[in-house]
Amino acid sequence: MALDDSVREQYKHLEEVAQRRGISEEKLVLALELEREFHLKIVGERDPAVRQELYYELYNRVHPLYKAANSCETSIRNQSKAKLVNLFTRELRGKSVLDVGCGNGQFLRSVHAKLKHGKLVGIDISPVVLPDKHDNLTFMQGNVIDFSLEDKFDVVFSDNVIEHIALPDLPVHLQSIRNALVPGGTLIIIAPNRLFGPHDVTNIIDSTCTNQIEALGGHLHETTYIELISILKDHGFSSFKTTIPLALIAYCFPNIRISPRFAEVIENSKYLLKAIYRFENLSMLLSRLQIVLLSTYSC
């Protein structure tokens, strides 16, 4: 499908995103159109059961498009998962781990390869991305919003999942996580920060990282540190910590945990945000400062 000038005018950052992600321009346009259709359906649907069916249909239709990404991007993503294991070694070593929205399972495979651990389980809604069976790991296709497992886990890991869940489904999702954690267990959430978005395929329209438009695709609820902490507090989580903000530095000092207060100061300051948005390189740098939040669940 050849894209005409009117399409390219609508999606001003299409060429840039296509080159960065290693996906054809045509497939990115198709992905946004598909995701936007389901975004509207899911957000507008009041019945949780129907929303679940829509989630399932969306990801089974859109994941094959993204599997067209080049092997270089896939390799980088897998390396990133291995780096996350190093970053959270103090929370993961010797622990049982549930990876919610596990995708291809690379995070748990890295935990298994690098650390002593307890039971490792991954769950994902889409069978398209789930890995083959592994003798020492358990992967299952299932509902990542409303799930119930026999085992309790020391750690629940959620990497770029929560933004894919519509706001009405968050209470059930967090209750499922609470039920899966042992008392005093740790929840690790990684998510994009809405203030430097949009972070889904909507960035073919605007990739300036200045929050000029909201996510229109598969990201149904991009959030901020302030918003996410408030939601988690309401569901029994506390003791919030994060890592060093810049990833390159954080990977060099993986055992350091700090208060997320620095992020809240930025998010609360309209003048500071306005100043950041004026400098495209700065806002793009901060867009990589995704939300990294560690919290504890106490019964």
Protein backbone atom coordinates (compact mmCIF):
# COMPACT_ATOMS: atom_id res chain seq x y z
CA MET A 1 0.00 0.00 0.00
CA ALA A 2 1.61 3.24 -1.15
CA LEU A 3 1.03 6.20 1.15
CA ASP A 4 -0.12 9.41 -0.50
CA ASP A 5 0.89 12.92 0.50
CA SER A 6 -2.27 13.53 2.53
CA VAL A 7 -1.44 10.52 4.74
CA ARG A 8 2.13 11.68 5.23
CA GLU A 9 0.89 15.14 6.16
CA GLN A 10 -1.39 13.61 8.81
CA TYR A 11 1.40 11.44 10.23
CA LYS A 12 4.26 13.94 10.27
CA HIS A 13 6.68 11.76 12.25
CA LEU A 14 5.97 8.54 10.37
CA GLU A 15 9.28 8.22 8.57
CA GLU A 16 11.28 8.93 11.73
CA VAL A 17 9.38 6.35 13.81
CA ALA A 18 9.53 3.74 11.06
CA GLN A 19 13.30 4.04 10.86
CA ARG A 20 13.70 3.94 14.63
CA ARG A 21 11.48 0.90 15.13
CA GLY A 22 12.36 -1.02 12.00
CA ILE A 23 8.72 -1.37 10.91
CA SER A 24 7.42 -0.28 7.54
CA GLU A 25 5.52 2.98 7.33
CA GLU A 26 2.49 1.17 5.92
CA LYS A 27 2.31 -1.20 8.86
CA LEU A 28 2.66 1.61 11.38
CA VAL A 29 -0.26 3.47 9.80
CA LEU A 30 -2.28 0.27 9.80
CA ALA A 31 -1.36 -0.35 13.45
CA LEU A 32 -2.48 3.11 14.54
CA GLU A 33 -5.77 2.84 12.66
CA LEU A 34 -6.43 -0.56 14.21
CA GLU A 35 -5.38 0.45 17.72
CA ARG A 36 -7.36 3.70 17.59
CA GLU A 37 -10.50 1.76 16.63
CA PHE A 38 -10.10 -0.59 19.60
CA HIS A 39 -9.04 2.24 21.92
CA LEU A 40 -12.37 3.94 21.37
CA LYS A 41 -14.31 0.71 21.72
CA ILE A 42 -12.59 -0.33 24.96
CA VAL A 43 -12.77 3.09 26.62
CA GLY A 44 -16.43 3.43 25.67
CA GLU A 45 -17.47 -0.08 26.74
CA ARG A 46 -19.12 -0.42 30.17
CA ASP A 47 -19.23 -4.21 30.36
CA PRO A 48 -15.92 -5.62 31.75
CA ALA A 49 -16.47 -8.95 30.00
CA VAL A 50 -16.87 -7.26 26.63
CA ARG A 51 -13.79 -5.12 27.31
CA GLN A 52 -11.82 -8.29 27.96
CA GLU A 53 -12.89 -9.72 24.62
CA LEU A 54 -11.83 -6.49 22.95
CA TYR A 55 -8.39 -6.58 24.62
CA TYR A 56 -7.89 -10.14 23.39
CA GLU A 57 -8.96 -9.32 19.84
CA LEU A 58 -6.82 -6.18 19.72
CA TYR A 59 -3.57 -7.85 20.70
CA ASN A 60 -4.09 -10.90 18.57
CA ARG A 61 -4.55 -8.61 15.58
CA VAL A 62 -1.88 -6.02 16.31
CA HIS A 63 0.99 -8.16 17.64
CA PRO A 64 1.66 -9.78 14.24
CA LEU A 65 2.21 -6.29 12.82
CA TYR A 66 4.85 -5.48 15.41
CA LYS A 67 6.54 -8.84 14.99
CA ALA A 68 7.66 -7.40 11.68
CA ALA A 69 10.15 -5.25 13.60
CA ASN A 70 13.73 -5.96 12.60
CA SER A 71 15.87 -8.38 14.57
CA CYS A 72 18.04 -5.50 15.78
CA GLU A 73 15.14 -3.95 17.70
CA THR A 74 14.20 -7.35 19.13
CA SER A 75 17.79 -7.92 20.24
CA ILE A 76 17.89 -4.48 21.92
CA ARG A 77 14.63 -5.23 23.72
CA ASN A 78 15.96 -8.56 24.99
CA GLN A 79 19.18 -6.90 26.17
CA SER A 80 17.06 -4.36 28.01
CA LYS A 81 15.26 -7.15 29.87
CA ALA A 82 18.61 -8.60 30.94
CA LYS A 83 19.68 -5.16 32.19
CA LEU A 84 16.47 -4.92 34.23
CA VAL A 85 17.39 -8.15 35.99
CA ASN A 86 20.69 -6.58 37.00
CA LEU A 87 18.93 -3.40 38.07
CA PHE A 88 16.50 -5.26 40.35
CA THR A 89 18.81 -8.01 41.57
CA ARG A 90 18.39 -6.97 45.22
CA GLU A 91 14.61 -7.47 44.91
CA LEU A 92 14.76 -10.61 42.73
CA ARG A 93 17.56 -12.79 44.12
CA GLY A 94 16.19 -15.92 45.74
CA LYS A 95 12.58 -14.81 45.16
CA SER A 96 9.58 -16.21 43.38
CA VAL A 97 8.47 -13.91 40.55
CA LEU A 98 5.27 -13.38 38.60
CA ASP A 99 5.74 -11.43 35.36
CA VAL A 100 2.37 -9.93 34.39
CA GLY A 101 2.27 -9.24 30.67
CA CYS A 102 5.41 -11.30 30.13
CA GLY A 103 5.47 -11.07 26.33
CA ASN A 104 8.19 -13.31 24.92
CA GLY A 105 9.36 -14.29 28.41
CA GLN A 106 12.82 -12.78 28.08
CA PHE A 107 12.75 -11.15 31.52
CA LEU A 108 12.07 -14.42 33.35
CA ARG A 109 14.56 -16.29 31.20
CA SER A 110 17.16 -13.70 32.22
CA VAL A 111 16.23 -14.12 35.90
CA HIS A 112 16.64 -17.88 35.53
CA ALA A 113 20.02 -17.50 33.79
CA LYS A 114 21.51 -14.94 36.17
CA LEU A 115 20.06 -15.49 39.66
CA LYS A 116 19.08 -18.08 42.19
CA HIS A 117 15.32 -17.88 42.38
CA GLY A 118 12.06 -19.44 43.43
CA LYS A 119 9.15 -20.22 41.14
CA LEU A 120 9.03 -18.13 37.94
CA VAL A 121 5.69 -17.63 36.18
CA GLY A 122 4.72 -15.41 33.26
CA ILE A 123 1.21 -14.59 32.06
CA ASP A 124 0.17 -12.76 28.90
CA ILE A 125 -3.12 -12.18 27.14
CA SER A 126 -1.79 -12.92 23.66
CA PRO A 127 -0.63 -16.40 22.59
CA VAL A 128 1.00 -14.71 19.59
CA VAL A 129 3.92 -13.48 21.70
CA LEU A 130 4.19 -16.18 24.37
CA PRO A 131 7.40 -18.24 24.22
CA ASP A 132 7.71 -21.97 23.81
CA LYS A 133 7.73 -24.11 26.93
CA HIS A 134 10.76 -23.92 29.19
CA ASP A 135 11.64 -26.69 31.64
CA ASN A 136 12.27 -24.30 34.53
CA LEU A 137 9.69 -21.60 33.79
CA THR A 138 5.92 -21.49 33.47
CA PHE A 139 4.25 -19.38 30.80
CA MET A 140 0.50 -19.17 30.45
CA GLN A 141 -1.98 -17.40 28.23
CA GLY A 142 -4.62 -15.66 30.28
CA ASN A 143 -6.40 -12.56 31.48
CA VAL A 144 -3.80 -10.15 32.90
CA ILE A 145 -6.48 -7.92 34.42
CA ASP A 146 -8.55 -10.39 36.40
CA PHE A 147 -6.49 -13.46 37.29
CA SER A 148 -6.21 -15.89 40.15
CA LEU A 149 -3.24 -18.20 40.69
CA GLU A 150 -2.70 -20.97 43.21
CA ASP A 151 0.77 -19.75 44.14
CA LYS A 152 1.78 -16.61 46.00
CA PHE A 153 4.84 -14.69 44.85
CA ASP A 154 7.50 -12.57 46.52
CA VAL A 155 7.66 -10.21 43.54
CA VAL A 156 5.19 -9.16 40.86
CA PHE A 157 6.88 -7.54 37.86
CA SER A 158 4.94 -5.31 35.45
CA ASP A 159 6.94 -3.86 32.56
CA ASN A 160 4.98 -1.48 30.31
CA VAL A 161 1.65 -3.15 31.00
CA ILE A 162 -0.44 -0.82 33.13
CA GLU A 163 -0.75 1.79 30.38
CA HIS A 164 -2.53 -0.82 28.24
CA ILE A 165 -5.30 -1.20 30.83
CA ALA A 166 -8.37 1.04 30.78
CA LEU A 167 -8.95 3.03 33.95
CA PRO A 168 -12.13 1.14 35.00
CA ASP A 169 -10.14 -2.12 34.93
CA LEU A 170 -7.27 -0.94 37.14
CA PRO A 171 -8.95 -1.78 40.49
CA VAL A 172 -9.50 -5.41 39.44
CA HIS A 173 -5.99 -5.60 38.00
CA LEU A 174 -4.40 -4.32 41.21
CA GLN A 175 -6.57 -6.59 43.32
CA SER A 176 -5.36 -9.55 41.26
CA ILE A 177 -1.77 -8.45 41.89
CA ARG A 178 -2.43 -8.08 45.62
CA ASN A 179 -3.89 -11.58 45.71
CA ALA A 180 -0.80 -12.94 43.98
CA LEU A 181 1.67 -11.36 46.43
CA VAL A 182 2.82 -12.73 49.77
CA PRO A 183 2.37 -10.28 52.68
CA GLY A 184 5.17 -7.74 52.40
CA GLY A 185 5.73 -8.68 48.76
CA THR A 186 7.17 -6.27 46.23
CA LEU A 187 5.47 -4.81 43.17
CA ILE A 188 7.76 -3.42 40.48
CA ILE A 189 6.05 -1.28 37.85
CA ILE A 190 7.70 0.24 34.79
CA ALA A 191 5.55 2.52 32.64
CA PRO A 192 5.88 5.51 30.34
CA ASN A 193 5.24 8.94 31.81
CA ARG A 194 2.30 10.64 30.09
CA LEU A 195 3.84 14.10 30.49
CA PHE A 196 6.53 13.18 27.95
CA GLY A 197 4.30 11.24 25.58
CA PRO A 198 2.48 9.98 23.70
CA HIS A 199 4.44 6.74 23.89
CA ASP A 200 2.43 4.34 21.74
CA VAL A 201 2.11 4.31 17.94
CA THR A 202 0.42 7.72 18.21
CA ASN A 203 3.96 9.09 18.03
CA ILE A 204 3.79 8.81 14.24
CA ILE A 205 1.58 11.90 14.61
CA ASP A 206 3.73 13.61 17.23
CA SER A 207 7.01 12.34 18.63
CA THR A 208 8.19 15.59 20.23
CA CYS A 209 7.66 14.09 23.72
CA THR A 210 5.81 17.22 24.86
CA ASN A 211 2.38 15.80 25.72
CA GLN A 212 0.68 17.78 22.94
CA ILE A 213 -1.76 14.97 22.20
CA GLU A 214 -2.86 12.02 24.29
CA ALA A 215 -2.16 8.43 23.33
CA LEU A 216 -4.76 7.26 20.83
CA GLY A 217 -3.61 3.69 20.29
CA GLY A 218 -2.97 0.70 22.52
CA HIS A 219 -2.05 2.88 25.50
CA LEU A 220 -5.42 3.37 27.16
CA HIS A 221 -4.15 5.04 30.33
CA GLU A 222 -0.73 6.63 30.30
CA THR A 223 -0.04 7.95 33.77
CA THR A 224 2.41 9.90 35.95
CA TYR A 225 4.29 9.19 39.16
CA ILE A 226 1.80 11.26 41.17
CA GLU A 227 -1.25 9.56 39.69
CA LEU A 228 0.16 6.04 39.94
CA ILE A 229 1.32 6.44 43.54
CA SER A 230 -2.13 7.73 44.50
CA ILE A 231 -3.83 4.74 42.88
CA LEU A 232 -1.44 2.26 44.50
CA LYS A 233 -1.92 3.82 47.94
CA ASP A 234 -5.67 3.31 47.56
CA HIS A 235 -5.00 -0.39 46.98
CA GLY A 236 -2.78 -1.03 49.99
CA PHE A 237 0.69 -0.36 48.61
CA SER A 238 3.27 1.75 50.40
CA SER A 239 7.03 2.38 50.83
CA PHE A 240 7.48 3.81 47.34
CA LYS A 241 10.97 3.93 45.91
CA THR A 242 12.58 4.28 42.53
CA THR A 243 15.99 3.89 40.91
CA ILE A 244 18.41 6.60 39.79
CA PRO A 245 16.51 8.50 37.08
CA LEU A 246 18.95 8.15 34.18
CA ALA A 247 19.13 4.53 33.02
CA LEU A 248 22.84 4.57 32.15
CA ILE A 249 23.70 5.76 35.65
CA ALA A 250 21.14 3.47 37.29
CA TYR A 251 22.68 0.42 35.63
CA CYS A 252 26.07 1.44 37.05
CA PHE A 253 24.63 1.76 40.57
CA PRO A 254 21.85 -0.85 40.61
CA ASN A 255 21.51 -1.11 44.38
CA ILE A 256 20.62 2.53 44.97
CA ARG A 257 16.97 3.27 45.73
CA ILE A 258 15.68 6.81 46.13
CA SER A 259 12.40 8.60 46.78
CA PRO A 260 10.25 9.41 43.72
CA ARG A 261 9.83 12.90 45.15
CA PHE A 262 12.10 14.39 42.45
CA ALA A 263 9.64 13.27 39.76
CA GLU A 264 6.68 14.65 41.67
CA VAL A 265 8.38 18.07 41.84
CA ILE A 266 8.77 18.09 38.04
CA GLU A 267 5.21 16.88 37.46
CA ASN A 268 3.73 19.50 39.80
CA SER A 269 5.50 22.45 38.19
CA LYS A 270 3.73 23.86 35.13
CA TYR A 271 6.52 26.37 34.62
CA LEU A 272 9.25 23.74 34.76
CA LEU A 273 7.37 21.51 32.32
CA LYS A 274 6.82 24.44 29.98
CA ALA A 275 10.53 25.22 30.06
CA ILE A 276 11.41 21.57 29.37
CA TYR A 277 9.00 21.41 26.43
CA ARG A 278 10.71 24.40 24.82
CA PHE A 279 13.86 22.32 24.29
CA GLU A 280 13.08 19.31 22.13
CA ASN A 281 16.28 17.43 23.01
CA LEU A 282 15.59 17.86 26.72
CA SER A 283 12.00 16.66 26.50
CA MET A 284 13.14 13.67 24.44
CA LEU A 285 15.77 12.89 27.08
CA LEU A 286 13.17 13.07 29.84
CA SER A 287 10.81 10.87 27.82
CA ARG A 288 13.26 8.08 28.56
CA LEU A 289 12.83 8.74 32.28
CA GLN A 290 9.95 6.34 32.38
CA ILE A 291 8.15 5.60 35.62
CA VAL A 292 10.07 3.05 37.66
CA LEU A 293 8.24 2.38 40.90
CA LEU A 294 8.86 -0.18 43.62
CA SER A 295 6.31 -0.59 46.37
CA THR A 296 5.36 -2.99 49.15
CA TYR A 297 2.03 -4.63 49.78
CA SER A 298 1.07 -5.17 53.39
CA CYS A 299 -2.14 -6.95 54.34
